[in-house]
């Protein structure tokens, strides 16, 4: 009986630890970055664009934009922007689809919503200004 009780207690502790998830410095739940679409360097930071599926699609997208230091820890960059740019091709005009960024519970991680007009190759243009200085980067991504 004592062995069963001990087993149940240990199992409960392990389950609770597994459900805990990441925490922010202030004790809040860490934002879920999802699966990486692409990463790029911006100065001494790594900027990662991710989504629940690891893909971009034509139409509405819910994304996560993360700024991390050399150790991989998200860091606050202050103001940030994300724009998807596709140059003019043939009779199609240039397209710029601006994402709406919202801060998350984790400094350095931003929730992004964007509607991409068409599938194809886009240039994700990222800029930031704040505690980590001013910087920018871009990455080529494909929307299906």
Foldseek 3Di string as FASTA:
>chain_A
DVVVVVVVVVVVVVVCVVPCADAAPVGHHDDDQAAFLDWDDKPQWIWTKAANVSAAAAFKGKIKIAIAGPVRAGAAQDDKWKWKWDPDDDPRHTDIWTWDWDDDNHHRMTITITHHNHWAKIKIKMWTDDPVHTTIDIDIGTHD
